[in-house]
Amino acid sequence: MTIEEKQKCAEVFKMLTGQETQPQDWNESAANLLAEMVAKVRDCSNAMDFVPRPPGWKPNWTYVVKYVYESLKNRSTRSGNYYEACLTAVGSAIKRKIEIELQIGN
């Protein structure tokens, strides 16, 4: 991996976890785990778009029409946003594996 690729991995990891890492510690194994983490968090976040949000009252057909419309509209225009629950639940297991790989280094 080039130093630029390692730097980008470190930046992506920080964006997702808030944890800083040293670019020189990144290797292909850690980068592959980062890619797996991003894919799983993305899949989880996509699935969360379909979880109904309770309106606080008994919904009628107008709520369903509006909710379904807005949900699908938001899903098609959303880019790069992840649900915090997905980052926490899905990302935490892979995050630990990445940390171990970073300790190993190159």
N, C-alpha and C. Protein backbone atom coordinates (compact mmCIF):
# COMPACT_ATOMS: atom_id res chain seq x y z
N MET A 1 0.85 -1.18 0.00
CA MET A 1 0.00 0.00 0.00
C MET A 1 0.89 1.25 0.00
N THR A 2 0.43 2.26 -0.73
CA THR A 2 1.16 3.52 -0.72
C THR A 2 0.82 4.29 0.56
N ILE A 3 1.63 5.27 0.89
CA ILE A 3 1.37 6.08 2.08
C ILE A 3 0.05 6.85 1.93
N GLU A 4 -0.29 7.25 0.70
CA GLU A 4 -1.56 7.95 0.46
C GLU A 4 -2.76 7.03 0.74
N GLU A 5 -2.64 5.78 0.32
CA GLU A 5 -3.72 4.81 0.58
C GLU A 5 -3.85 4.55 2.08
N LYS A 6 -2.73 4.45 2.76
CA LYS A 6 -2.75 4.24 4.20
C LYS A 6 -3.37 5.44 4.91
N GLN A 7 -3.04 6.65 4.44
CA GLN A 7 -3.60 7.87 5.02
C GLN A 7 -5.12 7.89 4.86
N LYS A 8 -5.59 7.52 3.68
CA LYS A 8 -7.03 7.50 3.44
C LYS A 8 -7.73 6.47 4.32
N CYS A 9 -7.12 5.31 4.53
CA CYS A 9 -7.69 4.31 5.43
C CYS A 9 -7.79 4.86 6.84
N ALA A 10 -6.74 5.54 7.29
CA ALA A 10 -6.75 6.13 8.63
C ALA A 10 -7.86 7.18 8.75
N GLU A 11 -8.05 7.97 7.70
CA GLU A 11 -9.10 9.01 7.71
C GLU A 11 -10.50 8.39 7.73
N VAL A 12 -10.71 7.37 6.92
CA VAL A 12 -12.02 6.71 6.89
C VAL A 12 -12.31 6.08 8.26
N PHE A 13 -11.33 5.41 8.83
CA PHE A 13 -11.50 4.78 10.14
C PHE A 13 -11.85 5.84 11.19
N LYS A 14 -11.20 6.98 11.13
CA LYS A 14 -11.50 8.06 12.09
C LYS A 14 -12.91 8.60 11.88
N MET A 15 -13.32 8.75 10.61
CA MET A 15 -14.68 9.24 10.34
C MET A 15 -15.74 8.30 10.90
N LEU A 16 -15.47 7.00 10.81
CA LEU A 16 -16.45 6.02 11.26
C LEU A 16 -16.43 5.80 12.77
N THR A 17 -15.24 5.83 13.36
CA THR A 17 -15.13 5.45 14.77
C THR A 17 -14.74 6.59 15.70
N GLY A 18 -14.20 7.67 15.14
CA GLY A 18 -13.71 8.76 15.97
C GLY A 18 -12.33 8.50 16.53
N GLN A 19 -11.76 7.35 16.20
CA GLN A 19 -10.47 6.94 16.74
C GLN A 19 -9.37 7.22 15.72
N GLU A 20 -8.32 7.90 16.17
CA GLU A 20 -7.19 8.18 15.29
C GLU A 20 -6.22 7.00 15.25
N THR A 21 -5.68 6.76 14.08
CA THR A 21 -4.67 5.72 13.90
C THR A 21 -3.50 6.32 13.12
N GLN A 22 -2.39 5.67 13.19
CA GLN A 22 -1.21 6.11 12.44
C GLN A 22 -1.26 5.50 11.04
N PRO A 23 -1.15 6.32 10.02
CA PRO A 23 -1.21 5.79 8.65
C PRO A 23 -0.20 4.68 8.39
N GLN A 24 0.98 4.80 8.94
CA GLN A 24 2.02 3.79 8.68
C GLN A 24 1.67 2.43 9.26
N ASP A 25 0.72 2.37 10.19
CA ASP A 25 0.32 1.09 10.78
C ASP A 25 -0.65 0.29 9.90
N TRP A 26 -1.22 0.94 8.88
CA TRP A 26 -2.21 0.27 8.04
C TRP A 26 -1.52 -0.70 7.08
N ASN A 27 -2.16 -1.85 6.91
CA ASN A 27 -1.69 -2.85 5.96
C ASN A 27 -2.90 -3.37 5.18
N GLU A 28 -2.68 -4.24 4.23
CA GLU A 28 -3.78 -4.72 3.40
C GLU A 28 -4.84 -5.49 4.19
N SER A 29 -4.41 -6.24 5.19
CA SER A 29 -5.38 -6.99 6.02
C SER A 29 -6.30 -6.03 6.77
N ALA A 30 -5.73 -5.00 7.36
CA ALA A 30 -6.54 -4.01 8.09
C ALA A 30 -7.46 -3.26 7.11
N ALA A 31 -6.93 -2.92 5.93
CA ALA A 31 -7.74 -2.21 4.94
C ALA A 31 -8.90 -3.08 4.44
N ASN A 32 -8.66 -4.37 4.28
CA ASN A 32 -9.74 -5.27 3.87
C ASN A 32 -10.80 -5.37 4.96
N LEU A 33 -10.39 -5.37 6.21
CA LEU A 33 -11.36 -5.37 7.32
C LEU A 33 -12.14 -4.06 7.34
N LEU A 34 -11.48 -2.95 7.04
CA LEU A 34 -12.17 -1.66 6.97
C LEU A 34 -13.22 -1.69 5.86
N ALA A 35 -12.89 -2.27 4.72
CA ALA A 35 -13.86 -2.40 3.63
C ALA A 35 -15.05 -3.26 4.05
N GLU A 36 -14.78 -4.34 4.78
CA GLU A 36 -15.86 -5.19 5.29
C GLU A 36 -16.74 -4.42 6.27
N MET A 37 -16.11 -3.63 7.13
CA MET A 37 -16.85 -2.83 8.11
C MET A 37 -17.77 -1.84 7.40
N VAL A 38 -17.25 -1.13 6.40
CA VAL A 38 -18.04 -0.15 5.66
C VAL A 38 -19.22 -0.84 4.97
N ALA A 39 -18.98 -1.99 4.35
CA ALA A 39 -20.04 -2.70 3.65
C ALA A 39 -21.14 -3.15 4.61
N LYS A 40 -20.76 -3.68 5.77
CA LYS A 40 -21.76 -4.15 6.72
C LYS A 40 -22.54 -2.99 7.35
N VAL A 41 -21.86 -1.89 7.63
CA VAL A 41 -22.55 -0.72 8.18
C VAL A 41 -23.51 -0.15 7.13
N ARG A 42 -23.07 -0.12 5.88
CA ARG A 42 -23.93 0.37 4.79
C ARG A 42 -25.16 -0.51 4.64
N ASP A 43 -24.97 -1.84 4.66
CA ASP A 43 -26.10 -2.76 4.54
C ASP A 43 -27.08 -2.58 5.69
N CYS A 44 -26.55 -2.45 6.89
CA CYS A 44 -27.40 -2.23 8.06
C CYS A 44 -28.17 -0.92 7.93
N SER A 45 -27.50 0.14 7.52
CA SER A 45 -28.15 1.44 7.37
C SER A 45 -29.23 1.41 6.30
N ASN A 46 -28.95 0.71 5.21
CA ASN A 46 -29.98 0.57 4.17
C ASN A 46 -31.21 -0.14 4.71
N ALA A 47 -31.00 -1.18 5.50
CA ALA A 47 -32.12 -1.92 6.08
C ALA A 47 -32.89 -1.06 7.08
N MET A 48 -32.19 -0.19 7.80
CA MET A 48 -32.85 0.67 8.79
C MET A 48 -33.84 1.64 8.14
N ASP A 49 -33.63 1.96 6.86
CA ASP A 49 -34.55 2.84 6.16
C ASP A 49 -35.96 2.26 6.09
N PHE A 50 -36.06 0.94 6.21
CA PHE A 50 -37.37 0.30 6.11
C PHE A 50 -38.04 0.07 7.47
N VAL A 51 -37.37 0.43 8.55
CA VAL A 51 -37.96 0.27 9.88
C VAL A 51 -38.96 1.41 10.09
N PRO A 52 -40.23 1.07 10.35
CA PRO A 52 -41.23 2.12 10.53
C PRO A 52 -40.96 2.96 11.78
N ARG A 53 -41.18 4.22 11.66
CA ARG A 53 -41.06 5.14 12.80
C ARG A 53 -42.47 5.35 13.37
N PRO A 54 -42.69 5.02 14.63
CA PRO A 54 -44.04 5.18 15.19
C PRO A 54 -44.45 6.64 15.23
N PRO A 55 -45.67 6.93 14.77
CA PRO A 55 -46.11 8.32 14.72
C PRO A 55 -46.58 8.88 16.06
N GLY A 56 -46.81 8.05 17.06
CA GLY A 56 -47.32 8.52 18.35
C GLY A 56 -48.85 8.47 18.44
N TRP A 57 -49.49 8.08 17.38
CA TRP A 57 -50.93 7.89 17.35
C TRP A 57 -51.24 6.73 16.41
N LYS A 58 -52.49 6.32 16.37
CA LYS A 58 -52.87 5.22 15.48
C LYS A 58 -52.81 5.73 14.04
N PRO A 59 -51.91 5.18 13.24
CA PRO A 59 -51.77 5.68 11.87
C PRO A 59 -52.94 5.28 10.98
N ASN A 60 -53.27 6.15 10.05
CA ASN A 60 -54.29 5.83 9.05
C ASN A 60 -53.62 5.78 7.68
N TRP A 61 -54.39 5.64 6.65
CA TRP A 61 -53.83 5.46 5.32
C TRP A 61 -53.00 6.66 4.87
N THR A 62 -53.36 7.87 5.29
CA THR A 62 -52.58 9.04 4.85
C THR A 62 -51.16 9.00 5.42
N TYR A 63 -51.04 8.55 6.66
CA TYR A 63 -49.71 8.41 7.25
C TYR A 63 -48.89 7.39 6.48
N VAL A 64 -49.53 6.26 6.15
CA VAL A 64 -48.83 5.21 5.43
C VAL A 64 -48.34 5.72 4.08
N VAL A 65 -49.21 6.42 3.37
CA VAL A 65 -48.83 6.95 2.05
C VAL A 65 -47.69 7.94 2.20
N LYS A 66 -47.79 8.85 3.14
CA LYS A 66 -46.74 9.85 3.34
C LYS A 66 -45.44 9.19 3.80
N TYR A 67 -45.54 8.26 4.74
CA TYR A 67 -44.35 7.61 5.27
C TYR A 67 -43.65 6.81 4.18
N VAL A 68 -44.40 6.01 3.46
CA VAL A 68 -43.79 5.19 2.41
C VAL A 68 -43.15 6.08 1.36
N TYR A 69 -43.85 7.13 0.97
CA TYR A 69 -43.30 8.05 -0.04
C TYR A 69 -42.00 8.69 0.45
N GLU A 70 -42.02 9.27 1.64
CA GLU A 70 -40.84 9.94 2.18
C GLU A 70 -39.70 8.95 2.42
N SER A 71 -40.03 7.77 2.91
CA SER A 71 -39.01 6.77 3.16
C SER A 71 -38.29 6.38 1.88
N LEU A 72 -39.04 6.13 0.84
CA LEU A 72 -38.42 5.75 -0.44
C LEU A 72 -37.70 6.92 -1.07
N LYS A 73 -38.26 8.11 -0.95
CA LYS A 73 -37.61 9.31 -1.49
C LYS A 73 -36.26 9.55 -0.79
N ASN A 74 -36.26 9.47 0.54
CA ASN A 74 -35.03 9.68 1.29
C ASN A 74 -34.00 8.60 0.97
N ARG A 75 -34.47 7.39 0.80
CA ARG A 75 -33.57 6.27 0.51
C ARG A 75 -32.86 6.49 -0.82
N SER A 76 -33.55 7.03 -1.79
CA SER A 76 -32.94 7.21 -3.11
C SER A 76 -32.01 8.41 -3.17
N THR A 77 -32.16 9.37 -2.25
CA THR A 77 -31.32 10.57 -2.29
C THR A 77 -30.24 10.57 -1.23
N ARG A 78 -30.28 9.63 -0.29
CA ARG A 78 -29.30 9.60 0.79
C ARG A 78 -27.96 9.12 0.26
N SER A 79 -26.90 9.79 0.66
CA SER A 79 -25.57 9.35 0.21
C SER A 79 -24.58 9.47 1.34
N GLY A 80 -24.00 8.35 1.74
CA GLY A 80 -22.92 8.37 2.71
C GLY A 80 -23.34 8.52 4.15
N ASN A 81 -24.62 8.50 4.45
CA ASN A 81 -25.06 8.62 5.83
C ASN A 81 -25.27 7.24 6.43
N TYR A 82 -24.76 7.07 7.64
CA TYR A 82 -24.90 5.80 8.32
C TYR A 82 -25.63 6.02 9.64
N TYR A 83 -26.43 5.05 10.03
CA TYR A 83 -27.10 5.11 11.31
C TYR A 83 -26.09 4.79 12.41
N GLU A 84 -26.15 5.57 13.48
CA GLU A 84 -25.23 5.37 14.61
C GLU A 84 -25.37 3.97 15.19
N ALA A 85 -26.60 3.46 15.24
CA ALA A 85 -26.82 2.11 15.77
C ALA A 85 -26.07 1.07 14.94
N CYS A 86 -26.01 1.28 13.65
CA CYS A 86 -25.28 0.35 12.78
C CYS A 86 -23.79 0.45 13.01
N LEU A 87 -23.29 1.67 13.15
CA LEU A 87 -21.86 1.84 13.43
C LEU A 87 -21.49 1.17 14.74
N THR A 88 -22.35 1.30 15.74
CA THR A 88 -22.07 0.73 17.05
C THR A 88 -22.17 -0.79 17.02
N ALA A 89 -23.28 -1.30 16.53
CA ALA A 89 -23.53 -2.74 16.59
C ALA A 89 -22.67 -3.53 15.61
N VAL A 90 -22.68 -3.11 14.36
CA VAL A 90 -21.99 -3.86 13.33
C VAL A 90 -20.50 -3.54 13.33
N GLY A 91 -20.18 -2.28 13.53
CA GLY A 91 -18.80 -1.86 13.43
C GLY A 91 -17.91 -2.26 14.58
N SER A 92 -18.48 -2.44 15.76
CA SER A 92 -17.63 -2.68 16.94
C SER A 92 -16.85 -3.98 16.86
N ALA A 93 -17.45 -5.03 16.35
CA ALA A 93 -16.75 -6.32 16.26
C ALA A 93 -15.59 -6.24 15.25
N ILE A 94 -15.85 -5.61 14.13
CA ILE A 94 -14.81 -5.49 13.11
C ILE A 94 -13.76 -4.47 13.55
N LYS A 95 -14.18 -3.45 14.26
CA LYS A 95 -13.24 -2.43 14.75
C LYS A 95 -12.14 -3.08 15.59
N ARG A 96 -12.50 -4.01 16.44
CA ARG A 96 -11.51 -4.68 17.29
C ARG A 96 -10.53 -5.49 16.43
N LYS A 97 -11.03 -6.15 15.39
CA LYS A 97 -10.15 -6.89 14.50
C LYS A 97 -9.17 -5.96 13.80
N ILE A 98 -9.65 -4.79 13.41
CA ILE A 98 -8.80 -3.79 12.75
C ILE A 98 -7.71 -3.33 13.73
N GLU A 99 -8.10 -3.07 14.97
CA GLU A 99 -7.13 -2.63 15.97
C GLU A 99 -6.02 -3.66 16.14
N ILE A 100 -6.39 -4.93 16.13
CA ILE A 100 -5.38 -6.00 16.26
C ILE A 100 -4.45 -5.99 15.04
N GLU A 101 -5.01 -5.84 13.86
CA GLU A 101 -4.19 -5.80 12.65
C GLU A 101 -3.24 -4.60 12.67
N LEU A 102 -3.72 -3.47 13.18
CA LEU A 102 -2.87 -2.28 13.23
C LEU A 102 -1.72 -2.45 14.20
N GLN A 103 -1.92 -3.24 15.25
CA GLN A 103 -0.84 -3.52 16.19
C GLN A 103 0.23 -4.38 15.53
N ILE A 104 -0.20 -5.26 14.63
CA ILE A 104 0.73 -6.12 13.91
C ILE A 104 1.56 -5.27 12.94
N GLY A 105 0.88 -4.27 12.33
CA GLY A 105 1.57 -3.40 11.38
C GLY A 105 1.80 -4.06 10.05
N ASN A 106 2.85 -3.62 9.37
CA ASN A 106 3.14 -4.15 8.03
C ASN A 106 3.54 -5.55 8.14
